[in-house]
PDB file of N, CA and C in Angstrom:
ATOM      1  N   MET A   1     147.568  70.407  81.553  1.00  0.00           N
ATOM      2  CA  MET A   1     147.286  71.424  80.559  1.00  0.00           C
ATOM      3  C   MET A   1     147.020  70.753  79.220  1.00  0.00           C
ATOM      4  N   GLN A   2     146.198  71.433  78.449  1.00  0.00           N
ATOM      5  CA  GLN A   2     145.889  70.928  77.121  1.00  0.00           C
ATOM      6  C   GLN A   2     145.900  72.077  76.129  1.00  0.00           C
ATOM      7  N   THR A   3     146.140  71.755  74.868  1.00  0.00           N
ATOM      8  CA  THR A   3     146.120  72.762  73.814  1.00  0.00           C
ATOM      9  C   THR A   3     144.777  72.687  73.116  1.00  0.00           C
ATOM     10  N   MET A   4     144.121  73.844  73.007  1.00  0.00           N
ATOM     11  CA  MET A   4     142.782  73.925  72.436  1.00  0.00           C
ATOM     12  C   MET A   4     142.761  75.048  71.407  1.00  0.00           C
ATOM     13  N   GLU A   5     141.822  74.968  70.481  1.00  0.00           N
ATOM     14  CA  GLU A   5     141.614  76.042  69.526  1.00  0.00           C
ATOM     15  C   GLU A   5     140.210  76.576  69.682  1.00  0.00           C
ATOM     16  N   GLY A   6     140.030  77.794  69.215  1.00  0.00           N
ATOM     17  CA  GLY A   6     138.731  78.426  69.287  1.00  0.00           C
ATOM     18  C   GLY A   6     138.667  79.621  68.367  1.00  0.00           C
ATOM     19  N   GLY A   7     137.556  80.332  68.440  1.00  0.00           N
ATOM     20  CA  GLY A   7     137.407  81.499  67.586  1.00  0.00           C
ATOM     21  C   GLY A   7     136.070  82.175  67.756  1.00  0.00           C
ATOM     22  N   CYS A   8     135.848  83.133  66.893  1.00  0.00           N
ATOM     23  CA  CYS A   8     134.597  83.887  66.921  1.00  0.00           C
ATOM     24  C   CYS A   8     133.510  83.108  66.172  1.00  0.00           C
ATOM     25  N   HIS A   9     132.329  83.667  66.063  1.00  0.00           N
ATOM     26  CA  HIS A   9     131.200  82.989  65.425  1.00  0.00           C
ATOM     27  C   HIS A   9     131.366  82.857  63.918  1.00  0.00           C
ATOM     28  N   CYS A  10     131.839  83.907  63.260  1.00  0.00           N
ATOM     29  CA  CYS A  10     131.951  83.873  61.795  1.00  0.00           C
ATOM     30  C   CYS A  10     133.206  83.151  61.318  1.00  0.00           C
ATOM     31  N   GLY A  11     134.147  82.868  62.223  1.00  0.00           N
ATOM     32  CA  GLY A  11     135.343  82.117  61.881  1.00  0.00           C
ATOM     33  C   GLY A  11     136.522  82.934  61.382  1.00  0.00           C
ATOM     34  N   ARG A  12     136.346  84.240  61.278  1.00  0.00           N
ATOM     35  CA  ARG A  12     137.470  85.065  60.812  1.00  0.00           C
ATOM     36  C   ARG A  12     138.595  85.125  61.844  1.00  0.00           C
ATOM     37  N   VAL A  13     138.230  85.090  63.127  1.00  0.00           N
ATOM     38  CA  VAL A  13     139.219  85.129  64.210  1.00  0.00           C
ATOM     39  C   VAL A  13     139.383  83.717  64.762  1.00  0.00           C
ATOM     40  N   ARG A  14     140.614  83.223  64.753  1.00  0.00           N
ATOM     41  CA  ARG A  14     140.924  81.904  65.286  1.00  0.00           C
ATOM     42  C   ARG A  14     142.163  82.014  66.174  1.00  0.00           C
ATOM     43  N   PHE A  15     142.190  81.220  67.239  1.00  0.00           N
ATOM     44  CA  PHE A  15     143.314  81.247  68.171  1.00  0.00           C
ATOM     45  C   PHE A  15     143.584  79.859  68.718  1.00  0.00           C
ATOM     46  N   ARG A  16     144.742  79.722  69.341  1.00  0.00           N
ATOM     47  CA  ARG A  16     145.143  78.480  70.023  1.00  0.00           C
ATOM     48  C   ARG A  16     145.596  78.865  71.425  1.00  0.00           C
ATOM     49  N   VAL A  17     145.215  78.071  72.409  1.00  0.00           N
ATOM     50  CA  VAL A  17     145.606  78.336  73.792  1.00  0.00           C
ATOM     51  C   VAL A  17     145.996  77.027  74.467  1.00  0.00           C
ATOM     52  N   THR A  18     147.014  77.089  75.301  1.00  0.00           N
ATOM     53  CA  THR A  18     147.414  75.950  76.114  1.00  0.00           C
ATOM     54  C   THR A  18     147.153  76.314  77.562  1.00  0.00           C
ATOM     55  N   ALA A  19     146.260  75.563  78.201  1.00  0.00           N
ATOM     56  CA  ALA A  19     145.836  75.904  79.561  1.00  0.00           C
ATOM     57  C   ALA A  19     145.099  74.732  80.195  1.00  0.00           C
ATOM     58  N   SER A  20     144.777  74.913  81.454  1.00  0.00           N
ATOM     59  CA  SER A  20     143.974  73.956  82.195  1.00  0.00           C
ATOM     60  C   SER A  20     142.619  74.593  82.472  1.00  0.00           C
ATOM     61  N   LEU A  21     141.559  73.866  82.239  1.00  0.00           N
ATOM     62  CA  LEU A  21     140.216  74.416  82.446  1.00  0.00           C
ATOM     63  C   LEU A  21     139.795  74.439  83.915  1.00  0.00           C
ATOM     64  N   ASP A  22     140.649  73.972  84.810  1.00  0.00           N
ATOM     65  CA  ASP A  22     140.279  73.963  86.231  1.00  0.00           C
ATOM     66  C   ASP A  22     140.371  75.345  86.880  1.00  0.00           C
ATOM     67  N   ARG A  23     140.830  76.350  86.152  1.00  0.00           N
ATOM     68  CA  ARG A  23     140.937  77.701  86.706  1.00  0.00           C
ATOM     69  C   ARG A  23     139.942  78.671  86.068  1.00  0.00           C
ATOM     70  N   LEU A  24     138.898  78.154  85.449  1.00  0.00           N
ATOM     71  CA  LEU A  24     137.904  79.024  84.829  1.00  0.00           C
ATOM     72  C   LEU A  24     137.206  79.870  85.881  1.00  0.00           C
ATOM     73  N   THR A  25     136.938  81.107  85.503  1.00  0.00           N
ATOM     74  CA  THR A  25     136.306  82.047  86.432  1.00  0.00           C
ATOM     75  C   THR A  25     135.124  82.727  85.769  1.00  0.00           C
ATOM     76  N   GLN A  26     134.074  82.924  86.543  1.00  0.00           N
ATOM     77  CA  GLN A  26     132.908  83.676  86.100  1.00  0.00           C
ATOM     78  C   GLN A  26     132.839  84.946  86.930  1.00  0.00           C
ATOM     79  N   CYS A  27     132.704  86.078  86.264  1.00  0.00           N
ATOM     80  CA  CYS A  27     132.686  87.387  86.928  1.00  0.00           C
ATOM     81  C   CYS A  27     131.299  88.001  86.804  1.00  0.00           C
ATOM     82  N   ASN A  28     130.884  88.724  87.835  1.00  0.00           N
ATOM     83  CA  ASN A  28     129.559  89.349  87.825  1.00  0.00           C
ATOM     84  C   ASN A  28     129.600  90.853  87.565  1.00  0.00           C
ATOM     85  N   CYS A  29     130.727  91.376  87.052  1.00  0.00           N
ATOM     86  CA  CYS A  29     130.776  92.812  86.749  1.00  0.00           C
ATOM     87  C   CYS A  29     129.826  93.115  85.588  1.00  0.00           C
ATOM     88  N   SER A  30     129.593  94.384  85.329  1.00  0.00           N
ATOM     89  CA  SER A  30     128.593  94.776  84.338  1.00  0.00           C
ATOM     90  C   SER A  30     128.872  94.223  82.941  1.00  0.00           C
ATOM     91  N   ILE A  31     130.087  94.296  82.469  1.00  0.00           N
ATOM     92  CA  ILE A  31     130.370  93.851  81.095  1.00  0.00           C
ATOM     93  C   ILE A  31     130.443  92.332  80.987  1.00  0.00           C
ATOM     94  N   CYS A  32     131.046  91.685  81.958  1.00  0.00           N
ATOM     95  CA  CYS A  32     131.157  90.214  81.906  1.00  0.00           C
ATOM     96  C   CYS A  32     129.788  89.555  82.031  1.00  0.00           C
ATOM     97  N   ALA A  33     128.945  90.087  82.901  1.00  0.00           N
ATOM     98  CA  ALA A  33     127.606  89.527  83.083  1.00  0.00           C
ATOM     99  C   ALA A  33     126.780  89.665  81.803  1.00  0.00           C
ATOM    100  N   LYS A  34     126.892  90.792  81.138  1.00  0.00           N
ATOM    101  CA  LYS A  34     126.119  91.005  79.906  1.00  0.00           C
ATOM    102  C   LYS A  34     126.634  90.143  78.761  1.00  0.00           C
ATOM    103  N   LYS A  35     127.953  89.898  78.716  1.00  0.00           N
ATOM    104  CA  LYS A  35     128.535  89.097  77.638  1.00  0.00           C
ATOM    105  C   LYS A  35     128.528  87.606  77.940  1.00  0.00           C
ATOM    106  N   GLY A  36     128.410  87.225  79.190  1.00  0.00           N
ATOM    107  CA  GLY A  36     128.479  85.818  79.554  1.00  0.00           C
ATOM    108  C   GLY A  36     129.881  85.258  79.421  1.00  0.00           C
ATOM    109  N   PHE A  37     130.873  86.107  79.629  1.00  0.00           N
ATOM    110  CA  PHE A  37     132.271  85.729  79.465  1.00  0.00           C
ATOM    111  C   PHE A  37     132.676  84.703  80.514  1.00  0.00           C
ATOM    112  N   LEU A  38     133.374  83.675  80.107  1.00  0.00           N
ATOM    113  CA  LEU A  38     133.897  82.639  80.999  1.00  0.00           C
ATOM    114  C   LEU A  38     135.419  82.708  80.886  1.00  0.00           C
ATOM    115  N   HIS A  39     136.072  83.230  81.918  1.00  0.00           N
ATOM    116  CA  HIS A  39     137.482  83.624  81.884  1.00  0.00           C
ATOM    117  C   HIS A  39     138.473  82.476  82.026  1.00  0.00           C
ATOM    118  N   LEU A  40     139.462  82.487  81.138  1.00  0.00           N
ATOM    119  CA  LEU A  40     140.597  81.581  81.187  1.00  0.00           C
ATOM    120  C   LEU A  40     141.833  82.453  80.931  1.00  0.00           C
ATOM    121  N   ILE A  41     142.466  82.919  82.004  1.00  0.00           N
ATOM    122  CA  ILE A  41     143.577  83.868  81.908  1.00  0.00           C
ATOM    123  C   ILE A  41     144.898  83.113  81.796  1.00  0.00           C
ATOM    124  N   VAL A  42     145.668  83.455  80.749  1.00  0.00           N
ATOM    125  CA  VAL A  42     146.929  82.758  80.475  1.00  0.00           C
ATOM    126  C   VAL A  42     148.028  83.760  80.126  1.00  0.00           C
ATOM    127  N   PRO A  43     149.294  83.373  80.329  1.00  0.00           N
ATOM    128  CA  PRO A  43     150.411  84.202  79.859  1.00  0.00           C
ATOM    129  C   PRO A  43     150.408  84.237  78.325  1.00  0.00           C
ATOM    130  N   PRO A  44     150.913  85.312  77.738  1.00  0.00           N
ATOM    131  CA  PRO A  44     150.935  85.420  76.271  1.00  0.00           C
ATOM    132  C   PRO A  44     151.633  84.249  75.575  1.00  0.00           C
ATOM    133  N   ALA A  45     152.619  83.634  76.220  1.00  0.00           N
ATOM    134  CA  ALA A  45     153.331  82.505  75.612  1.00  0.00           C
ATOM    135  C   ALA A  45     152.418  81.290  75.416  1.00  0.00           C
ATOM    136  N   GLN A  46     151.282  81.248  76.123  1.00  0.00           N
ATOM    137  CA  GLN A  46     150.342  80.132  76.003  1.00  0.00           C
ATOM    138  C   GLN A  46     149.185  80.449  75.066  1.00  0.00           C
ATOM    139  N   PHE A  47     149.258  81.585  74.390  1.00  0.00           N
ATOM    140  CA  PHE A  47     148.195  82.024  73.482  1.00  0.00           C
ATOM    141  C   PHE A  47     148.790  82.370  72.130  1.00  0.00           C
ATOM    142  N   GLU A  48     148.114  81.942  71.074  1.00  0.00           N
ATOM    143  CA  GLU A  48     148.557  82.284  69.727  1.00  0.00           C
ATOM    144  C   GLU A  48     147.346  82.668  68.884  1.00  0.00           C
ATOM    145  N   LEU A  49     147.371  83.862  68.322  1.00  0.00           N
ATOM    146  CA  LEU A  49     146.336  84.289  67.384  1.00  0.00           C
ATOM    147  C   LEU A  49     146.700  83.678  66.036  1.00  0.00           C
ATOM    148  N   LEU A  50     145.862  82.786  65.550  1.00  0.00           N
ATOM    149  CA  LEU A  50     146.145  82.075  64.304  1.00  0.00           C
ATOM    150  C   LEU A  50     145.771  82.897  63.081  1.00  0.00           C
ATOM    151  N   ARG A  51     144.659  83.608  63.177  1.00  0.00           N
ATOM    152  CA  ARG A  51     144.242  84.489  62.085  1.00  0.00           C
ATOM    153  C   ARG A  51     143.192  85.476  62.595  1.00  0.00           C
ATOM    154  N   GLY A  52     143.049  86.565  61.852  1.00  0.00           N
ATOM    155  CA  GLY A  52     141.996  87.523  62.141  1.00  0.00           C
ATOM    156  C   GLY A  52     142.417  88.797  62.839  1.00  0.00           C
ATOM    157  N   LYS A  53     143.706  89.069  62.913  1.00  0.00           N
ATOM    158  CA  LYS A  53     144.150  90.285  63.612  1.00  0.00           C
ATOM    159  C   LYS A  53     143.448  91.531  63.069  1.00  0.00           C
ATOM    160  N   ASP A  54     143.321  91.626  61.764  1.00  0.00           N
ATOM    161  CA  ASP A  54     142.683  92.794  61.147  1.00  0.00           C
ATOM    162  C   ASP A  54     141.168  92.779  61.275  1.00  0.00           C
ATOM    163  N   ASP A  55     140.597  91.675  61.742  1.00  0.00           N
ATOM    164  CA  ASP A  55     139.148  91.567  61.933  1.00  0.00           C
ATOM    165  C   ASP A  55     138.724  91.896  63.362  1.00  0.00           C
ATOM    166  N   LEU A  56     139.697  92.258  64.195  1.00  0.00           N
ATOM    167  CA  LEU A  56     139.420  92.584  65.599  1.00  0.00           C
ATOM    168  C   LEU A  56     139.340  94.089  65.813  1.00  0.00           C
ATOM    169  N   THR A  57     138.533  94.465  66.764  1.00  0.00           N
ATOM    170  CA  THR A  57     138.485  95.834  67.235  1.00  0.00           C
ATOM    171  C   THR A  57     138.372  95.763  68.757  1.00  0.00           C
ATOM    172  N   ALA A  58     138.539  96.892  69.431  1.00  0.00           N
ATOM    173  CA  ALA A  58     138.538  96.860  70.901  1.00  0.00           C
ATOM    174  C   ALA A  58     137.639  97.940  71.486  1.00  0.00           C
ATOM    175  N   TYR A  59     137.131  97.641  72.649  1.00  0.00           N
ATOM    176  CA  TYR A  59     136.310  98.564  73.425  1.00  0.00           C
ATOM    177  C   TYR A  59     137.016  98.791  74.749  1.00  0.00           C
ATOM    178  N   GLU A  60     137.134 100.042  75.162  1.00  0.00           N
ATOM    179  CA  GLU A  60     137.742 100.396  76.443  1.00  0.00           C
ATOM    180  C   GLU A  60     136.771 101.287  77.210  1.00  0.00           C
ATOM    181  N   PHE A  61     136.776 101.145  78.532  1.00  0.00           N
ATOM    182  CA  PHE A  61     135.958 102.018  79.375  1.00  0.00           C
ATOM    183  C   PHE A  61     136.614 102.145  80.737  1.00  0.00           C
ATOM    184  N   ASN A  62     136.054 102.947  81.589  1.00  0.00           N
ATOM    185  CA  ASN A  62     136.516 103.147  82.966  1.00  0.00           C
ATOM    186  C   ASN A  62     138.004 103.483  82.990  1.00  0.00           C
ATOM    187  N   THR A  63     138.868 102.600  83.477  1.00  0.00           N
ATOM    188  CA  THR A  63     140.298 102.906  83.591  1.00  0.00           C
ATOM    189  C   THR A  63     141.022 102.830  82.253  1.00  0.00           C
ATOM    190  N   GLY A  64     140.447 102.167  81.263  1.00  0.00           N
ATOM    191  CA  GLY A  64     141.068 102.016  79.951  1.00  0.00           C
ATOM    192  C   GLY A  64     142.166 100.963  79.916  1.00  0.00           C
ATOM    193  N   ILE A  65     142.383 100.274  81.018  1.00  0.00           N
ATOM    194  CA  ILE A  65     143.437  99.255  81.061  1.00  0.00           C
ATOM    195  C   ILE A  65     143.018  98.014  80.275  1.00  0.00           C
ATOM    196  N   ALA A  66     141.810  97.555  80.502  1.00  0.00           N
ATOM    197  CA  ALA A  66     141.312  96.376  79.784  1.00  0.00           C
ATOM    198  C   ALA A  66     141.056  96.737  78.328  1.00  0.00           C
ATOM    199  N   LYS A  67     141.449  95.844  77.449  1.00  0.00           N
ATOM    200  CA  LYS A  67     141.208  95.995  76.009  1.00  0.00           C
ATOM    201  C   LYS A  67     140.241  94.890  75.616  1.00  0.00           C
ATOM    202  N   HIS A  68     138.947  95.223  75.594  1.00  0.00           N
ATOM    203  CA  HIS A  68     137.891  94.255  75.309  1.00  0.00           C
ATOM    204  C   HIS A  68     137.812  94.035  73.803  1.00  0.00           C
ATOM    205  N   THR A  69     138.529  93.014  73.336  1.00  0.00           N
ATOM    206  CA  THR A  69     138.654  92.725  71.913  1.00  0.00           C
ATOM    207  C   THR A  69     137.470  91.908  71.423  1.00  0.00           C
ATOM    208  N   PHE A  70     136.955  92.262  70.246  1.00  0.00           N
ATOM    209  CA  PHE A  70     135.883  91.483  69.653  1.00  0.00           C
ATOM    210  C   PHE A  70     135.974  91.524  68.134  1.00  0.00           C
ATOM    211  N   CYS A  71     135.351  90.557  67.479  1.00  0.00           N
ATOM    212  CA  CYS A  71     135.328  90.496  66.028  1.00  0.00           C
ATOM    213  C   CYS A  71     134.413  91.594  65.508  1.00  0.00           C
ATOM    214  N   LYS A  72     134.913  92.407  64.616  1.00  0.00           N
ATOM    215  CA  LYS A  72     134.111  93.519  64.105  1.00  0.00           C
ATOM    216  C   LYS A  72     133.067  93.070  63.088  1.00  0.00           C
ATOM    217  N   HIS A  73     133.060  91.786  62.730  1.00  0.00           N
ATOM    218  CA  HIS A  73     132.056  91.272  61.802  1.00  0.00           C
ATOM    219  C   HIS A  73     130.888  90.617  62.532  1.00  0.00           C
ATOM    220  N   CYS A  74     131.179  89.697  63.454  1.00  0.00           N
ATOM    221  CA  CYS A  74     130.101  88.975  64.138  1.00  0.00           C
ATOM    222  C   CYS A  74     129.861  89.465  65.571  1.00  0.00           C
ATOM    223  N   GLY A  75     130.780  90.267  66.110  1.00  0.00           N
ATOM    224  CA  GLY A  75     130.589  90.845  67.443  1.00  0.00           C
ATOM    225  C   GLY A  75     130.989  89.941  68.601  1.00  0.00           C
ATOM    226  N   ILE A  76     131.475  88.756  68.328  1.00  0.00           N
ATOM    227  CA  ILE A  76     131.845  87.836  69.405  1.00  0.00           C
ATOM    228  C   ILE A  76     133.180  88.244  70.010  1.00  0.00           C
ATOM    229  N   HIS A  77     133.268  88.056  71.324  1.00  0.00           N
ATOM    230  CA  HIS A  77     134.392  88.483  72.143  1.00  0.00           C
ATOM    231  C   HIS A  77     135.207  87.247  72.562  1.00  0.00           C
ATOM    232  N   PRO A  78     136.143  86.774  71.711  1.00  0.00           N
ATOM    233  CA  PRO A  78     136.841  85.516  72.007  1.00  0.00           C
ATOM    234  C   PRO A  78     137.969  85.632  73.037  1.00  0.00           C
ATOM    235  N   PHE A  79     138.554  86.820  73.198  1.00  0.00           N
ATOM    236  CA  PHE A  79     139.637  87.019  74.157  1.00  0.00           C
ATOM    237  C   PHE A  79     139.854  88.514  74.338  1.00  0.00           C
ATOM    238  N   TYR A  80     140.595  88.872  75.398  1.00  0.00           N
ATOM    239  CA  TYR A  80     140.934  90.276  75.620  1.00  0.00           C
ATOM    240  C   TYR A  80     142.084  90.390  76.597  1.00  0.00           C
ATOM    241  N   VAL A  81     142.557  91.617  76.786  1.00  0.00           N
ATOM    242  CA  VAL A  81     143.585  91.912  77.794  1.00  0.00           C
ATOM    243  C   VAL A  81     142.837  92.391  79.035  1.00  0.00           C
ATOM    244  N   PRO A  82     142.921  91.653  80.153  1.00  0.00           N
ATOM    245  CA  PRO A  82     142.134  92.002  81.331  1.00  0.00           C
ATOM    246  C   PRO A  82     142.780  93.089  82.205  1.00  0.00           C
ATOM    247  N   ARG A  83     141.951  93.864  82.843  1.00  0.00           N
ATOM    248  CA  ARG A  83     142.414  94.890  83.786  1.00  0.00           C
ATOM    249  C   ARG A  83     143.187  94.266  84.938  1.00  0.00           C
ATOM    250  N   SER A  84     142.741  93.115  85.401  1.00  0.00           N
ATOM    251  CA  SER A  84     143.374  92.458  86.546  1.00  0.00           C
ATOM    252  C   SER A  84     144.800  92.005  86.234  1.00  0.00           C
ATOM    253  N   ASP A  85     145.050  91.634  84.993  1.00  0.00           N
ATOM    254  CA  ASP A  85     146.341  91.091  84.571  1.00  0.00           C
ATOM    255  C   ASP A  85     146.664  91.604  83.163  1.00  0.00           C
ATOM    256  N   PRO A  86     147.035  92.873  83.032  1.00  0.00           N
ATOM    257  CA  PRO A  86     147.251  93.451  81.697  1.00  0.00           C
ATOM    258  C   PRO A  86     148.440  92.863  80.939  1.00  0.00           C
ATOM    259  N   ASP A  87     149.198  92.014  81.602  1.00  0.00           N
ATOM    260  CA  ASP A  87     150.320  91.337  80.946  1.00  0.00           C
ATOM    261  C   ASP A  87     149.928  89.940  80.466  1.00  0.00           C
ATOM    262  N   LYS A  88     148.624  89.626  80.508  1.00  0.00           N
ATOM    263  CA  LYS A  88     148.145  88.299  80.123  1.00  0.00           C
ATOM    264  C   LYS A  88     147.026  88.414  79.083  1.00  0.00           C
ATOM    265  N   VAL A  89     146.550  87.272  78.641  1.00  0.00           N
ATOM    266  CA  VAL A  89     145.429  87.190  77.709  1.00  0.00           C
ATOM    267  C   VAL A  89     144.308  86.434  78.409  1.00  0.00           C
ATOM    268  N   ASP A  90     143.105  86.958  78.317  1.00  0.00           N
ATOM    269  CA  ASP A  90     141.934  86.341  78.925  1.00  0.00           C
ATOM    270  C   ASP A  90     141.061  85.759  77.815  1.00  0.00           C
ATOM    271  N   VAL A  91     141.052  84.443  77.715  1.00  0.00           N
ATOM    272  CA  VAL A  91     140.307  83.733  76.676  1.00  0.00           C
ATOM    273  C   VAL A  91     138.895  83.459  77.182  1.00  0.00           C
ATOM    274  N   ASN A  92     137.920  83.663  76.314  1.00  0.00           N
ATOM    275  CA  ASN A  92     136.544  83.307  76.634  1.00  0.00           C
ATOM    276  C   ASN A  92     136.379  81.811  76.355  1.00  0.00           C
ATOM    277  N   ALA A  93     136.297  81.019  77.413  1.00  0.00           N
ATOM    278  CA  ALA A  93     136.205  79.564  77.261  1.00  0.00           C
ATOM    279  C   ALA A  93     134.974  79.147  76.456  1.00  0.00           C
ATOM    280  N   ARG A  94     133.974  80.001  76.397  1.00  0.00           N
ATOM    281  CA  ARG A  94     132.783  79.699  75.588  1.00  0.00           C
ATOM    282  C   ARG A  94     133.109  79.705  74.092  1.00  0.00           C
ATOM    283  N   CYS A  95     134.254  80.258  73.722  1.00  0.00           N
ATOM    284  CA  CYS A  95     134.668  80.315  72.320  1.00  0.00           C
ATOM    285  C   CYS A  95     135.621  79.184  71.942  1.00  0.00           C
ATOM    286  N   LEU A  96     135.914  78.287  72.863  1.00  0.00           N
ATOM    287  CA  LEU A  96     136.778  77.147  72.569  1.00  0.00           C
ATOM    288  C   LEU A  96     135.981  76.061  71.850  1.00  0.00           C
ATOM    289  N   ASP A  97     136.599  75.458  70.855  1.00  0.00           N
ATOM    290  CA  ASP A  97     135.947  74.396  70.095  1.00  0.00           C
ATOM    291  C   ASP A  97     135.688  73.182  70.986  1.00  0.00           C
ATOM    292  N   GLY A  98     134.472  72.639  70.909  1.00  0.00           N
ATOM    293  CA  GLY A  98     134.148  71.394  71.583  1.00  0.00           C
ATOM    294  C   GLY A  98     134.031  71.457  73.093  1.00  0.00           C
ATOM    295  N   ILE A  99     133.983  72.640  73.657  1.00  0.00           N
ATOM    296  CA  ILE A  99     133.861  72.787  75.115  1.00  0.00           C
ATOM    297  C   ILE A  99     132.396  72.987  75.485  1.00  0.00           C
ATOM    298  N   ASP A 100     131.908  72.190  76.410  1.00  0.00           N
ATOM    299  CA  ASP A 100     130.552  72.348  76.927  1.00  0.00           C
ATOM    300  C   ASP A 100     130.646  73.191  78.192  1.00  0.00           C
ATOM    301  N   ALA A 101     130.479  74.490  78.048  1.00  0.00           N
ATOM    302  CA  ALA A 101     130.627  75.406  79.178  1.00  0.00           C
ATOM    303  C   ALA A 101     129.651  75.096  80.307  1.00  0.00           C
ATOM    304  N   ALA A 102     128.500  74.560  79.979  1.00  0.00           N
ATOM    305  CA  ALA A 102     127.510  74.231  81.009  1.00  0.00           C
ATOM    306  C   ALA A 102     127.972  73.068  81.894  1.00  0.00           C
ATOM    307  N   ALA A 103     128.910  72.276  81.398  1.00  0.00           N
ATOM    308  CA  ALA A 103     129.393  71.125  82.160  1.00  0.00           C
ATOM    309  C   ALA A 103     130.587  71.473  83.051  1.00  0.00           C
ATOM    310  N   ILE A 104     131.040  72.715  82.975  1.00  0.00           N
ATOM    311  CA  ILE A 104     132.215  73.142  83.739  1.00  0.00           C
ATOM    312  C   ILE A 104     131.768  74.024  84.895  1.00  0.00           C
ATOM    313  N   THR A 105     132.293  73.759  86.071  1.00  0.00           N
ATOM    314  CA  THR A 105     132.005  74.599  87.223  1.00  0.00           C
ATOM    315  C   THR A 105     133.105  75.651  87.341  1.00  0.00           C
ATOM    316  N   ALA A 106     132.733  76.890  87.125  1.00  0.00           N
ATOM    317  CA  ALA A 106     133.695  77.992  87.197  1.00  0.00           C
ATOM    318  C   ALA A 106     133.722  78.562  88.609  1.00  0.00           C
ATOM    319  N   LYS A 107     134.878  79.067  88.982  1.00  0.00           N
ATOM    320  CA  LYS A 107     135.009  79.757  90.262  1.00  0.00           C
ATOM    321  C   LYS A 107     134.400  81.150  90.102  1.00  0.00           C
ATOM    322  N   LEU A 108     133.810  81.665  91.154  1.00  0.00           N
ATOM    323  CA  LEU A 108     133.148  82.959  91.076  1.00  0.00           C
ATOM    324  C   LEU A 108     134.082  84.085  91.520  1.00  0.00           C
ATOM    325  N   PHE A 109     133.971  85.214  90.836  1.00  0.00           N
ATOM    326  CA  PHE A 109     134.721  86.419  91.188  1.00  0.00           C
ATOM    327  C   PHE A 109     133.735  87.572  91.282  1.00  0.00           C
ATOM    328  N   ASP A 110     133.786  88.331  92.371  1.00  0.00           N
ATOM    329  CA  ASP A 110     132.855  89.433  92.609  1.00  0.00           C
ATOM    330  C   ASP A 110     133.342  90.712  91.928  1.00  0.00           C
ATOM    331  N   GLY A 111     133.177  90.751  90.616  1.00  0.00           N
ATOM    332  CA  GLY A 111     133.610  91.911  89.843  1.00  0.00           C
ATOM    333  C   GLY A 111     132.780  93.159  90.082  1.00  0.00           C
ATOM    334  N   LYS A 112     131.575  93.007  90.644  1.00  0.00           N
ATOM    335  CA  LYS A 112     130.771  94.185  91.001  1.00  0.00           C
ATOM    336  C   LYS A 112     131.509  95.000  92.059  1.00  0.00           C
ATOM    337  N   ASN A 113     132.302  94.325  92.857  1.00  0.00           N
ATOM    338  CA  ASN A 113     133.110  94.955  93.905  1.00  0.00           C
ATOM    339  C   ASN A 113     134.583  94.675  93.609  1.00  0.00           C
ATOM    340  N   TRP A 114     135.012  95.055  92.413  1.00  0.00           N
ATOM    341  CA  TRP A 114     136.311  94.706  91.852  1.00  0.00           C
ATOM    342  C   TRP A 114     137.477  95.039  92.774  1.00  0.00           C
ATOM    343  N   GLU A 115     137.561  96.264  93.251  1.00  0.00           N
ATOM    344  CA  GLU A 115     138.697  96.675  94.076  1.00  0.00           C
ATOM    345  C   GLU A 115     138.824  95.821  95.335  1.00  0.00           C
ATOM    346  N   THR A 116     137.721  95.588  96.016  1.00  0.00           N
ATOM    347  CA  THR A 116     137.735  94.755  97.222  1.00  0.00           C
ATOM    348  C   THR A 116     138.060  93.309  96.873  1.00  0.00           C
ATOM    349  N   ALA A 117     137.448  92.795  95.825  1.00  0.00           N
ATOM    350  CA  ALA A 117     137.671  91.399  95.426  1.00  0.00           C
ATOM    351  C   ALA A 117     139.119  91.150  95.014  1.00  0.00           C
ATOM    352  N   MET A 118     139.771  92.135  94.418  1.00  0.00           N
ATOM    353  CA  MET A 118     141.160  91.971  94.000  1.00  0.00           C
ATOM    354  C   MET A 118     142.112  91.937  95.195  1.00  0.00           C
ATOM    355  N   GLN A 119     141.667  92.404  96.344  1.00  0.00           N
ATOM    356  CA  GLN A 119     142.490  92.357  97.555  1.00  0.00           C
ATOM    357  C   GLN A 119     142.466  90.959  98.183  1.00  0.00           C
ATOM    358  N   ALA A 120     141.455  90.186  97.836  1.00  0.00           N
ATOM    359  CA  ALA A 120     141.338  88.811  98.343  1.00  0.00           C
ATOM    360  C   ALA A 120     142.106  87.874  97.404  1.00  0.00           C
ATOM    361  N   ARG A 121     142.033  86.605  97.677  1.00  0.00           N
ATOM    362  CA  ARG A 121     142.681  85.625  96.810  1.00  0.00           C
ATOM    363  C   ARG A 121     141.792  85.436  95.583  1.00  0.00           C
ATOM    364  N   VAL A 122     142.287  85.833  94.427  1.00  0.00           N
ATOM    365  CA  VAL A 122     141.503  85.723  93.201  1.00  0.00           C
ATOM    366  C   VAL A 122     141.639  84.310  92.630  1.00  0.00           C
ATOM    367  N   PRO A 123     140.576  83.777  92.055  1.00  0.00           N
ATOM    368  CA  PRO A 123     140.536  82.373  91.651  1.00  0.00           C
ATOM    369  C   PRO A 123     141.552  81.956  90.582  1.00  0.00           C
ATOM    370  N   TRP A 124     141.957  82.845  89.730  1.00  0.00           N
ATOM    371  CA  TRP A 124     142.823  82.470  88.611  1.00  0.00           C
ATOM    372  C   TRP A 124     144.307  82.589  88.921  1.00  0.00           C
ATOM    373  N   ARG A 125     144.644  83.023  90.100  1.00  0.00           N
ATOM    374  CA  ARG A 125     146.080  83.152  90.449  1.00  0.00           C
ATOM    375  C   ARG A 125     146.510  82.050  91.378  1.00  0.00           C
TER     376      ARG A 125
END
C-alpha cells in the first residue's frame, strides 16, 4: 500500500488515500462509462479529505444509495460513496497526482448488469 494525494481540476478539492493500485476497477455502467471513472474503493480510515468540503456537491439517481460527489466549480468527480459498498469511499484513480492511468491495467466490472455482476466475485473485494 502507498499513500497518495489527489484532487479535482481546479484544486479546491484535495484528498489523501492509502491504498494499493492493484485493485483498480473499470465499470461499464452508464455513469461510470460517461465519466471515465477508474475505481479505487477503500475504507473511510484510508481516506482523508484535506480541503474542499464546501466545494463539493452530489448527484443521486436510481436507488439513491450512491452519492456521486463532484466539485461544483470544475465538475470533476474525484471520489464518491459507491452503491456496491456504501460504507466505503470510491476514489477516482484518474484524480491521483502523478498516476498514469493508461499504464495501469484495471479489472473489469459489468456494471451494465449490476445485480448479476454483484452476485459474482467482484474485483475490488
